[in-house]
Amino acid sequence: LSCAASGRAFSSYAMGWFRQAPGKER
């Protein structure tokens, strides 16, 4: 998976991946 970010100062952000299955919480 890839996640492209636009906007300012990407390098100052921590990044995460989350998931949500049907009927379940993220």
mmCIF file of all heavy atoms, coordinates in Angstrom:
data_MODEL
# 
_entry.id   MODEL 
# 
loop_
_atom_site.group_PDB 
_atom_site.id 
_atom_site.type_symbol 
_atom_site.label_atom_id 
_atom_site.label_alt_id 
_atom_site.label_comp_id 
_atom_site.label_asym_id 
_atom_site.label_entity_id 
_atom_site.label_seq_id 
_atom_site.pdbx_PDB_ins_code 
_atom_site.Cartn_x 
_atom_site.Cartn_y 
_atom_site.Cartn_z 
_atom_site.occupancy 
_atom_site.B_iso_or_equiv 
_atom_site.pdbx_formal_charge 
_atom_site.auth_seq_id 
_atom_site.auth_comp_id 
_atom_site.auth_asym_id 
_atom_site.auth_atom_id 
_atom_site.pdbx_PDB_model_num 
ATOM 1   N N   . LEU A 1 1  ? 0.834   -1.187 0.000  1.00 0.00 ? 1  LEU A N   1 
ATOM 2   C CA  . LEU A 1 1  ? 0.000   0.000  0.000  1.00 0.00 ? 1  LEU A CA  1 
ATOM 3   C C   . LEU A 1 1  ? 0.876   1.248  0.000  1.00 0.00 ? 1  LEU A C   1 
ATOM 4   O O   . LEU A 1 1  ? 1.955   1.258  0.595  1.00 0.00 ? 1  LEU A O   1 
ATOM 5   C CB  . LEU A 1 1  ? -0.910  0.033  1.218  1.00 0.00 ? 1  LEU A CB  1 
ATOM 6   C CG  . LEU A 1 1  ? -1.802  -1.185 1.448  1.00 0.00 ? 1  LEU A CG  1 
ATOM 7   C CD1 . LEU A 1 1  ? -2.694  -0.954 2.669  1.00 0.00 ? 1  LEU A CD1 1 
ATOM 8   C CD2 . LEU A 1 1  ? -2.623  -1.508 0.218  1.00 0.00 ? 1  LEU A CD2 1 
ATOM 9   N N   . SER A 1 2  ? 0.387   2.273  -0.673 1.00 0.00 ? 2  SER A N   1 
ATOM 10  C CA  . SER A 1 2  ? 1.056   3.568  -0.677 1.00 0.00 ? 2  SER A CA  1 
ATOM 11  C C   . SER A 1 2  ? 0.084   4.628  -0.207 1.00 0.00 ? 2  SER A C   1 
ATOM 12  O O   . SER A 1 2  ? -1.123  4.514  -0.405 1.00 0.00 ? 2  SER A O   1 
ATOM 13  C CB  . SER A 1 2  ? 1.546   3.916  -2.081 1.00 0.00 ? 2  SER A CB  1 
ATOM 14  O OG  . SER A 1 2  ? 2.478   2.980  -2.557 1.00 0.00 ? 2  SER A OG  1 
ATOM 15  N N   . CYS A 1 3  ? 0.630   5.660  0.392  1.00 0.00 ? 3  CYS A N   1 
ATOM 16  C CA  . CYS A 1 3  ? -0.176  6.800  0.833  1.00 0.00 ? 3  CYS A CA  1 
ATOM 17  C C   . CYS A 1 3  ? 0.583   8.060  0.450  1.00 0.00 ? 3  CYS A C   1 
ATOM 18  O O   . CYS A 1 3  ? 1.647   8.347  1.008  1.00 0.00 ? 3  CYS A O   1 
ATOM 19  C CB  . CYS A 1 3  ? -0.412  6.747  2.329  1.00 0.00 ? 3  CYS A CB  1 
ATOM 20  S SG  . CYS A 1 3  ? -1.237  8.219  2.996  1.00 0.00 ? 3  CYS A SG  1 
ATOM 21  N N   . ALA A 1 4  ? 0.026   8.794  -0.495 1.00 0.00 ? 4  ALA A N   1 
ATOM 22  C CA  . ALA A 1 4  ? 0.635   10.033 -0.955 1.00 0.00 ? 4  ALA A CA  1 
ATOM 23  C C   . ALA A 1 4  ? 0.041   11.209 -0.194 1.00 0.00 ? 4  ALA A C   1 
ATOM 24  O O   . ALA A 1 4  ? -1.187  11.337 -0.099 1.00 0.00 ? 4  ALA A O   1 
ATOM 25  C CB  . ALA A 1 4  ? 0.413   10.204 -2.443 1.00 0.00 ? 4  ALA A CB  1 
ATOM 26  N N   . ALA A 1 5  ? 0.905   12.040 0.339  1.00 0.00 ? 5  ALA A N   1 
ATOM 27  C CA  . ALA A 1 5  ? 0.462   13.188 1.126  1.00 0.00 ? 5  ALA A CA  1 
ATOM 28  C C   . ALA A 1 5  ? 0.732   14.485 0.394  1.00 0.00 ? 5  ALA A C   1 
ATOM 29  O O   . ALA A 1 5  ? 1.787   14.637 -0.237 1.00 0.00 ? 5  ALA A O   1 
ATOM 30  C CB  . ALA A 1 5  ? 1.175   13.203 2.476  1.00 0.00 ? 5  ALA A CB  1 
ATOM 31  N N   . SER A 1 6  ? -0.199  15.382 0.476  1.00 0.00 ? 6  SER A N   1 
ATOM 32  C CA  . SER A 1 6  ? 0.014   16.718 -0.060 1.00 0.00 ? 6  SER A CA  1 
ATOM 33  C C   . SER A 1 6  ? -0.232  17.713 1.064  1.00 0.00 ? 6  SER A C   1 
ATOM 34  O O   . SER A 1 6  ? -0.936  17.444 2.023  1.00 0.00 ? 6  SER A O   1 
ATOM 35  C CB  . SER A 1 6  ? -0.933  17.003 -1.222 1.00 0.00 ? 6  SER A CB  1 
ATOM 36  O OG  . SER A 1 6  ? -2.279  16.905 -0.819 1.00 0.00 ? 6  SER A OG  1 
ATOM 37  N N   . GLY A 1 7  ? 0.360   18.866 0.941  1.00 0.00 ? 7  GLY A N   1 
ATOM 38  C CA  . GLY A 1 7  ? 0.256   19.834 2.012  1.00 0.00 ? 7  GLY A CA  1 
ATOM 39  C C   . GLY A 1 7  ? 1.638   20.172 2.536  1.00 0.00 ? 7  GLY A C   1 
ATOM 40  O O   . GLY A 1 7  ? 2.660   19.804 1.962  1.00 0.00 ? 7  GLY A O   1 
ATOM 41  N N   . ARG A 1 8  ? 1.649   20.811 3.669  1.00 0.00 ? 8  ARG A N   1 
ATOM 42  C CA  . ARG A 1 8  ? 2.901   21.348 4.170  1.00 0.00 ? 8  ARG A CA  1 
ATOM 43  C C   . ARG A 1 8  ? 3.602   20.423 5.154  1.00 0.00 ? 8  ARG A C   1 
ATOM 44  O O   . ARG A 1 8  ? 2.969   19.729 5.927  1.00 0.00 ? 8  ARG A O   1 
ATOM 45  C CB  . ARG A 1 8  ? 2.626   22.696 4.844  1.00 0.00 ? 8  ARG A CB  1 
ATOM 46  C CG  . ARG A 1 8  ? 2.056   23.739 3.906  1.00 0.00 ? 8  ARG A CG  1 
ATOM 47  C CD  . ARG A 1 8  ? 1.639   24.972 4.662  1.00 0.00 ? 8  ARG A CD  1 
ATOM 48  N NE  . ARG A 1 8  ? 2.741   25.556 5.390  1.00 0.00 ? 8  ARG A NE  1 
ATOM 49  C CZ  . ARG A 1 8  ? 2.604   26.619 6.192  1.00 0.00 ? 8  ARG A CZ  1 
ATOM 50  N NH1 . ARG A 1 8  ? 1.422   27.153 6.373  1.00 0.00 ? 8  ARG A NH1 1 
ATOM 51  N NH2 . ARG A 1 8  ? 3.647   27.101 6.825  1.00 0.00 ? 8  ARG A NH2 1 
ATOM 52  N N   . ALA A 1 9  ? 4.913   20.435 5.110  1.00 0.00 ? 9  ALA A N   1 
ATOM 53  C CA  . ALA A 1 9  ? 5.744   19.856 6.168  1.00 0.00 ? 9  ALA A CA  1 
ATOM 54  C C   . ALA A 1 9  ? 5.436   18.389 6.453  1.00 0.00 ? 9  ALA A C   1 
ATOM 55  O O   . ALA A 1 9  ? 5.269   17.998 7.623  1.00 0.00 ? 9  ALA A O   1 
ATOM 56  C CB  . ALA A 1 9  ? 5.619   20.666 7.447  1.00 0.00 ? 9  ALA A CB  1 
ATOM 57  N N   . PHE A 1 10 ? 5.393   17.577 5.411  1.00 0.00 ? 10 PHE A N   1 
ATOM 58  C CA  . PHE A 1 10 ? 5.124   16.153 5.586  1.00 0.00 ? 10 PHE A CA  1 
ATOM 59  C C   . PHE A 1 10 ? 6.096   15.535 6.581  1.00 0.00 ? 10 PHE A C   1 
ATOM 60  O O   . PHE A 1 10 ? 5.729   14.678 7.389  1.00 0.00 ? 10 PHE A O   1 
ATOM 61  C CB  . PHE A 1 10 ? 5.229   15.454 4.228  1.00 0.00 ? 10 PHE A CB  1 
ATOM 62  C CG  . PHE A 1 10 ? 5.140   13.956 4.307  1.00 0.00 ? 10 PHE A CG  1 
ATOM 63  C CD1 . PHE A 1 10 ? 3.924   13.334 4.534  1.00 0.00 ? 10 PHE A CD1 1 
ATOM 64  C CD2 . PHE A 1 10 ? 6.262   13.156 4.139  1.00 0.00 ? 10 PHE A CD2 1 
ATOM 65  C CE1 . PHE A 1 10 ? 3.821   11.953 4.590  1.00 0.00 ? 10 PHE A CE1 1 
ATOM 66  C CE2 . PHE A 1 10 ? 6.177   11.777 4.192  1.00 0.00 ? 10 PHE A CE2 1 
ATOM 67  C CZ  . PHE A 1 10 ? 4.949   11.172 4.415  1.00 0.00 ? 10 PHE A CZ  1 
ATOM 68  N N   . SER A 1 11 ? 7.337   15.965 6.549  1.00 0.00 ? 11 SER A N   1 
ATOM 69  C CA  . SER A 1 11 ? 8.352   15.348 7.395  1.00 0.00 ? 11 SER A CA  1 
ATOM 70  C C   . SER A 1 11 ? 8.165   15.663 8.873  1.00 0.00 ? 11 SER A C   1 
ATOM 71  O O   . SER A 1 11 ? 8.854   15.088 9.711  1.00 0.00 ? 11 SER A O   1 
ATOM 72  C CB  . SER A 1 11 ? 9.751   15.758 6.948  1.00 0.00 ? 11 SER A CB  1 
ATOM 73  O OG  . SER A 1 11 ? 9.888   17.159 7.034  1.00 0.00 ? 11 SER A OG  1 
ATOM 74  N N   . SER A 1 12 ? 7.244   16.546 9.204  1.00 0.00 ? 12 SER A N   1 
ATOM 75  C CA  . SER A 1 12 ? 6.984   16.839 10.612 1.00 0.00 ? 12 SER A CA  1 
ATOM 76  C C   . SER A 1 12 ? 5.808   16.032 11.155 1.00 0.00 ? 12 SER A C   1 
ATOM 77  O O   . SER A 1 12 ? 5.415   16.218 12.314 1.00 0.00 ? 12 SER A O   1 
ATOM 78  C CB  . SER A 1 12 ? 6.711   18.323 10.802 1.00 0.00 ? 12 SER A CB  1 
ATOM 79  O OG  . SER A 1 12 ? 5.461   18.696 10.230 1.00 0.00 ? 12 SER A OG  1 
ATOM 80  N N   . TYR A 1 13 ? 5.272   15.136 10.335 1.00 0.00 ? 13 TYR A N   1 
ATOM 81  C CA  . TYR A 1 13 ? 4.139   14.325 10.742 1.00 0.00 ? 13 TYR A CA  1 
ATOM 82  C C   . TYR A 1 13 ? 4.565   12.872 10.962 1.00 0.00 ? 13 TYR A C   1 
ATOM 83  O O   . TYR A 1 13 ? 5.261   12.295 10.131 1.00 0.00 ? 13 TYR A O   1 
ATOM 84  C CB  . TYR A 1 13 ? 3.049   14.339 9.675  1.00 0.00 ? 13 TYR A CB  1 
ATOM 85  C CG  . TYR A 1 13 ? 2.268   15.628 9.616  1.00 0.00 ? 13 TYR A CG  1 
ATOM 86  C CD1 . TYR A 1 13 ? 2.768   16.730 8.937  1.00 0.00 ? 13 TYR A CD1 1 
ATOM 87  C CD2 . TYR A 1 13 ? 1.035   15.744 10.248 1.00 0.00 ? 13 TYR A CD2 1 
ATOM 88  C CE1 . TYR A 1 13 ? 2.058   17.923 8.897  1.00 0.00 ? 13 TYR A CE1 1 
ATOM 89  C CE2 . TYR A 1 13 ? 0.314   16.917 10.203 1.00 0.00 ? 13 TYR A CE2 1 
ATOM 90  C CZ  . TYR A 1 13 ? 0.832   18.006 9.524  1.00 0.00 ? 13 TYR A CZ  1 
ATOM 91  O OH  . TYR A 1 13 ? 0.128   19.179 9.487  1.00 0.00 ? 13 TYR A OH  1 
ATOM 92  N N   . ALA A 1 14 ? 4.120   12.299 12.057 1.00 0.00 ? 14 ALA A N   1 
ATOM 93  C CA  . ALA A 1 14 ? 4.157   10.846 12.186 1.00 0.00 ? 14 ALA A CA  1 
ATOM 94  C C   . ALA A 1 14 ? 3.039   10.283 11.318 1.00 0.00 ? 14 ALA A C   1 
ATOM 95  O O   . ALA A 1 14 ? 2.002   10.928 11.130 1.00 0.00 ? 14 ALA A O   1 
ATOM 96  C CB  . ALA A 1 14 ? 3.957   10.441 13.636 1.00 0.00 ? 14 ALA A CB  1 
ATOM 97  N N   . MET A 1 15 ? 3.263   9.096  10.786 1.00 0.00 ? 15 MET A N   1 
ATOM 98  C CA  . MET A 1 15 ? 2.289   8.495  9.877  1.00 0.00 ? 15 MET A CA  1 
ATOM 99  C C   . MET A 1 15 ? 1.870   7.126  10.390 1.00 0.00 ? 15 MET A C   1 
ATOM 100 O O   . MET A 1 15 ? 2.684   6.389  10.961 1.00 0.00 ? 15 MET A O   1 
ATOM 101 C CB  . MET A 1 15 ? 2.881   8.358  8.486  1.00 0.00 ? 15 MET A CB  1 
ATOM 102 C CG  . MET A 1 15 ? 3.308   9.678  7.854  1.00 0.00 ? 15 MET A CG  1 
ATOM 103 S SD  . MET A 1 15 ? 1.923   10.806 7.590  1.00 0.00 ? 15 MET A SD  1 
ATOM 104 C CE  . MET A 1 15 ? 0.963   9.875  6.380  1.00 0.00 ? 15 MET A CE  1 
ATOM 105 N N   . GLY A 1 16 ? 0.622   6.809  10.165 1.00 0.00 ? 16 GLY A N   1 
ATOM 106 C CA  . GLY A 1 16 ? 0.122   5.519  10.625 1.00 0.00 ? 16 GLY A CA  1 
ATOM 107 C C   . GLY A 1 16 ? -0.787  4.866  9.611  1.00 0.00 ? 16 GLY A C   1 
ATOM 108 O O   . GLY A 1 16 ? -1.297  5.517  8.699  1.00 0.00 ? 16 GLY A O   1 
ATOM 109 N N   . TRP A 1 17 ? -0.936  3.568  9.780  1.00 0.00 ? 17 TRP A N   1 
ATOM 110 C CA  . TRP A 1 17 ? -1.912  2.791  9.014  1.00 0.00 ? 17 TRP A CA  1 
ATOM 111 C C   . TRP A 1 17 ? -2.888  2.156  10.004 1.00 0.00 ? 17 TRP A C   1 
ATOM 112 O O   . TRP A 1 17 ? -2.471  1.602  11.040 1.00 0.00 ? 17 TRP A O   1 
ATOM 113 C CB  . TRP A 1 17 ? -1.242  1.695  8.191  1.00 0.00 ? 17 TRP A CB  1 
ATOM 114 C CG  . TRP A 1 17 ? -0.511  2.189  6.995  1.00 0.00 ? 17 TRP A CG  1 
ATOM 115 C CD1 . TRP A 1 17 ? 0.824   2.463  6.894  1.00 0.00 ? 17 TRP A CD1 1 
ATOM 116 C CD2 . TRP A 1 17 ? -1.058  2.462  5.700  1.00 0.00 ? 17 TRP A CD2 1 
ATOM 117 N NE1 . TRP A 1 17 ? 1.132   2.889  5.626  1.00 0.00 ? 17 TRP A NE1 1 
ATOM 118 C CE2 . TRP A 1 17 ? -0.003  2.899  4.876  1.00 0.00 ? 17 TRP A CE2 1 
ATOM 119 C CE3 . TRP A 1 17 ? -2.345  2.389  5.150  1.00 0.00 ? 17 TRP A CE3 1 
ATOM 120 C CZ2 . TRP A 1 17 ? -0.187  3.251  3.530  1.00 0.00 ? 17 TRP A CZ2 1 
ATOM 121 C CZ3 . TRP A 1 17 ? -2.542  2.736  3.833  1.00 0.00 ? 17 TRP A CZ3 1 
ATOM 122 C CH2 . TRP A 1 17 ? -1.472  3.159  3.025  1.00 0.00 ? 17 TRP A CH2 1 
ATOM 123 N N   . PHE A 1 18 ? -4.145  2.240  9.674  1.00 0.00 ? 18 PHE A N   1 
ATOM 124 C CA  . PHE A 1 18 ? -5.208  1.622  10.445 1.00 0.00 ? 18 PHE A CA  1 
ATOM 125 C C   . PHE A 1 18 ? -6.066  0.790  9.499  1.00 0.00 ? 18 PHE A C   1 
ATOM 126 O O   . PHE A 1 18 ? -5.975  0.946  8.282  1.00 0.00 ? 18 PHE A O   1 
ATOM 127 C CB  . PHE A 1 18 ? -6.075  2.701  11.114 1.00 0.00 ? 18 PHE A CB  1 
ATOM 128 C CG  . PHE A 1 18 ? -5.365  3.470  12.187 1.00 0.00 ? 18 PHE A CG  1 
ATOM 129 C CD1 . PHE A 1 18 ? -4.411  4.419  11.875 1.00 0.00 ? 18 PHE A CD1 1 
ATOM 130 C CD2 . PHE A 1 18 ? -5.651  3.244  13.531 1.00 0.00 ? 18 PHE A CD2 1 
ATOM 131 C CE1 . PHE A 1 18 ? -3.744  5.132  12.870 1.00 0.00 ? 18 PHE A CE1 1 
ATOM 132 C CE2 . PHE A 1 18 ? -4.990  3.933  14.526 1.00 0.00 ? 18 PHE A CE2 1 
ATOM 133 C CZ  . PHE A 1 18 ? -4.045  4.892  14.202 1.00 0.00 ? 18 PHE A CZ  1 
ATOM 134 N N   . ARG A 1 19 ? -6.893  -0.092 10.058 1.00 0.00 ? 19 ARG A N   1 
ATOM 135 C CA  . ARG A 1 19 ? -7.787  -0.862 9.214  1.00 0.00 ? 19 ARG A CA  1 
ATOM 136 C C   . ARG A 1 19 ? -9.128  -1.066 9.907  1.00 0.00 ? 19 ARG A C   1 
ATOM 137 O O   . ARG A 1 19 ? -9.205  -1.034 11.135 1.00 0.00 ? 19 ARG A O   1 
ATOM 138 C CB  . ARG A 1 19 ? -7.171  -2.206 8.830  1.00 0.00 ? 19 ARG A CB  1 
ATOM 139 C CG  . ARG A 1 19 ? -6.973  -3.162 9.989  1.00 0.00 ? 19 ARG A CG  1 
ATOM 140 C CD  . ARG A 1 19 ? -6.192  -4.396 9.519  1.00 0.00 ? 19 ARG A CD  1 
ATOM 141 N NE  . ARG A 1 19 ? -6.019  -5.376 10.590 1.00 0.00 ? 19 ARG A NE  1 
ATOM 142 C CZ  . ARG A 1 19 ? -5.271  -6.466 10.486 1.00 0.00 ? 19 ARG A CZ  1 
ATOM 143 N NH1 . ARG A 1 19 ? -4.622  -6.731 9.352  1.00 0.00 ? 19 ARG A NH1 1 
ATOM 144 N NH2 . ARG A 1 19 ? -5.183  -7.303 11.505 1.00 0.00 ? 19 ARG A NH2 1 
ATOM 145 N N   . GLN A 1 20 ? -10.151 -1.283 9.086  1.00 0.00 ? 20 GLN A N   1 
ATOM 146 C CA  . GLN A 1 20 ? -11.483 -1.533 9.632  1.00 0.00 ? 20 GLN A CA  1 
ATOM 147 C C   . GLN A 1 20 ? -12.138 -2.632 8.807  1.00 0.00 ? 20 GLN A C   1 
ATOM 148 O O   . GLN A 1 20 ? -12.357 -2.460 7.603  1.00 0.00 ? 20 GLN A O   1 
ATOM 149 C CB  . GLN A 1 20 ? -12.333 -0.268 9.613  1.00 0.00 ? 20 GLN A CB  1 
ATOM 150 C CG  . GLN A 1 20 ? -13.668 -0.450 10.313 1.00 0.00 ? 20 GLN A CG  1 
ATOM 151 C CD  . GLN A 1 20 ? -14.373 0.876  10.558 1.00 0.00 ? 20 GLN A CD  1 
ATOM 152 O OE1 . GLN A 1 20 ? -14.073 1.894  9.935  1.00 0.00 ? 20 GLN A OE1 1 
ATOM 153 N NE2 . GLN A 1 20 ? -15.306 0.870  11.493 1.00 0.00 ? 20 GLN A NE2 1 
ATOM 154 N N   . ALA A 1 21 ? -12.426 -3.731 9.471  1.00 0.00 ? 21 ALA A N   1 
ATOM 155 C CA  . ALA A 1 21 ? -13.124 -4.851 8.840  1.00 0.00 ? 21 ALA A CA  1 
ATOM 156 C C   . ALA A 1 21 ? -14.630 -4.664 9.022  1.00 0.00 ? 21 ALA A C   1 
ATOM 157 O O   . ALA A 1 21 ? -15.063 -3.957 9.942  1.00 0.00 ? 21 ALA A O   1 
ATOM 158 C CB  . ALA A 1 21 ? -12.675 -6.163 9.465  1.00 0.00 ? 21 ALA A CB  1 
ATOM 159 N N   . PRO A 1 22 ? -15.440 -5.281 8.171  1.00 0.00 ? 22 PRO A N   1 
ATOM 160 C CA  . PRO A 1 22 ? -16.894 -5.135 8.297  1.00 0.00 ? 22 PRO A CA  1 
ATOM 161 C C   . PRO A 1 22 ? -17.385 -5.531 9.681  1.00 0.00 ? 22 PRO A C   1 
ATOM 162 O O   . PRO A 1 22 ? -17.018 -6.591 10.205 1.00 0.00 ? 22 PRO A O   1 
ATOM 163 C CB  . PRO A 1 22 ? -17.427 -6.094 7.227  1.00 0.00 ? 22 PRO A CB  1 
ATOM 164 C CG  . PRO A 1 22 ? -16.335 -6.186 6.227  1.00 0.00 ? 22 PRO A CG  1 
ATOM 165 C CD  . PRO A 1 22 ? -15.056 -6.091 7.010  1.00 0.00 ? 22 PRO A CD  1 
ATOM 166 N N   . GLY A 1 23 ? -18.179 -4.669 10.282 1.00 0.00 ? 23 GLY A N   1 
ATOM 167 C CA  . GLY A 1 23 ? -18.750 -4.958 11.587 1.00 0.00 ? 23 GLY A CA  1 
ATOM 168 C C   . GLY A 1 23 ? -17.803 -4.793 12.753 1.00 0.00 ? 23 GLY A C   1 
ATOM 169 O O   . GLY A 1 23 ? -18.167 -5.101 13.890 1.00 0.00 ? 23 GLY A O   1 
ATOM 170 N N   . LYS A 1 24 ? -16.595 -4.309 12.484 1.00 0.00 ? 24 LYS A N   1 
ATOM 171 C CA  . LYS A 1 24 ? -15.607 -4.141 13.562 1.00 0.00 ? 24 LYS A CA  1 
ATOM 172 C C   . LYS A 1 24 ? -15.157 -2.697 13.647 1.00 0.00 ? 24 LYS A C   1 
ATOM 173 O O   . LYS A 1 24 ? -15.321 -1.919 12.717 1.00 0.00 ? 24 LYS A O   1 
ATOM 174 C CB  . LYS A 1 24 ? -14.407 -5.056 13.316 1.00 0.00 ? 24 LYS A CB  1 
ATOM 175 C CG  . LYS A 1 24 ? -14.727 -6.536 13.374 1.00 0.00 ? 24 LYS A CG  1 
ATOM 176 C CD  . LYS A 1 24 ? -13.463 -7.366 13.299 1.00 0.00 ? 24 LYS A CD  1 
ATOM 177 C CE  . LYS A 1 24 ? -13.764 -8.845 13.446 1.00 0.00 ? 24 LYS A CE  1 
ATOM 178 N NZ  . LYS A 1 24 ? -12.518 -9.669 13.404 1.00 0.00 ? 24 LYS A NZ  1 
ATOM 179 N N   . GLU A 1 25 ? -14.578 -2.365 14.784 1.00 0.00 ? 25 GLU A N   1 
ATOM 180 C CA  . GLU A 1 25 ? -14.047 -1.019 14.962 1.00 0.00 ? 25 GLU A CA  1 
ATOM 181 C C   . GLU A 1 25 ? -12.713 -0.881 14.221 1.00 0.00 ? 25 GLU A C   1 
ATOM 182 O O   . GLU A 1 25 ? -12.006 -1.854 13.987 1.00 0.00 ? 25 GLU A O   1 
ATOM 183 C CB  . GLU A 1 25 ? -13.854 -0.725 16.444 1.00 0.00 ? 25 GLU A CB  1 
ATOM 184 C CG  . GLU A 1 25 ? -15.161 -0.628 17.219 1.00 0.00 ? 25 GLU A CG  1 
ATOM 185 C CD  . GLU A 1 25 ? -14.949 -0.149 18.640 1.00 0.00 ? 25 GLU A CD  1 
ATOM 186 O OE1 . GLU A 1 25 ? -13.781 -0.022 19.060 1.00 0.00 ? 25 GLU A OE1 1 
ATOM 187 O OE2 . GLU A 1 25 ? -15.953 0.094  19.335 1.00 0.00 ? 25 GLU A OE2 1 
ATOM 188 N N   . ARG A 1 26 ? -12.390 0.350  13.902 1.00 0.00 ? 26 ARG A N   1 
ATOM 189 C CA  . ARG A 1 26 ? -11.106 0.612  13.282 1.00 0.00 ? 26 ARG A CA  1 
ATOM 190 C C   . ARG A 1 26 ? -9.987  0.294  14.264 1.00 0.00 ? 26 ARG A C   1 
ATOM 191 O O   . ARG A 1 26 ? -10.091 0.624  15.454 1.00 0.00 ? 26 ARG A O   1 
ATOM 192 C CB  . ARG A 1 26 ? -11.025 2.077  12.853 1.00 0.00 ? 26 ARG A CB  1 
ATOM 193 C CG  . ARG A 1 26 ? -9.796  2.441  12.052 1.00 0.00 ? 26 ARG A CG  1 
ATOM 194 C CD  . ARG A 1 26 ? -9.955  3.794  11.413 1.00 0.00 ? 26 ARG A CD  1 
ATOM 195 N NE  . ARG A 1 26 ? -10.203 4.839  12.400 1.00 0.00 ? 26 ARG A NE  1 
ATOM 196 C CZ  . ARG A 1 26 ? -10.594 6.072  12.099 1.00 0.00 ? 26 ARG A CZ  1 
ATOM 197 N NH1 . ARG A 1 26 ? -10.806 6.394  10.843 1.00 0.00 ? 26 ARG A NH1 1 
ATOM 198 N NH2 . ARG A 1 26 ? -10.781 6.957  13.053 1.00 0.00 ? 26 ARG A NH2 1 
# 
